[in-house]
Amino acid sequence: MNLFQESSFYQMLLEEGELKGRQEGRQEGRQEGRQEGRQEGRQEGRQEGRQEEARALLILLGQKLIGPADAATRAAIDSMDDLERLRQSALRVLSAKNWEDLLAGL
């Protein structure tokens, strides 16, 4: 180490630089975290929107082809989170005799 590196002025500059670097790193990390959070939120929102639409379509088709859905049937459909399962149910409604028949196969 040379005399300059041992000086208090050099040490002070070094500490300030490290502090500034940590602050900038934290800020960049927060910004990246926010961006990732927004992306994840959008993806989850889109998924939930597709699920809601599939549930609504299943009930609409079922009411048209089978008849009115009671509260238990609606609750069962509302509890479905698997989009593929909802899509398959929408196809099964075409051949189901009643809501119980439809839901029994799920």
Foldseek 3Di string as FASTA:
>chain_A
DDPVCPDPVNVVVVVVVVVVVVVVVVVVVVVVVVVVVVVVVVVVVVLVVLLVVLLVLLQVLLCVQANHDDPVLSVVSVPDSDNVLSVVLSVCSVVANHSCSSVVVD
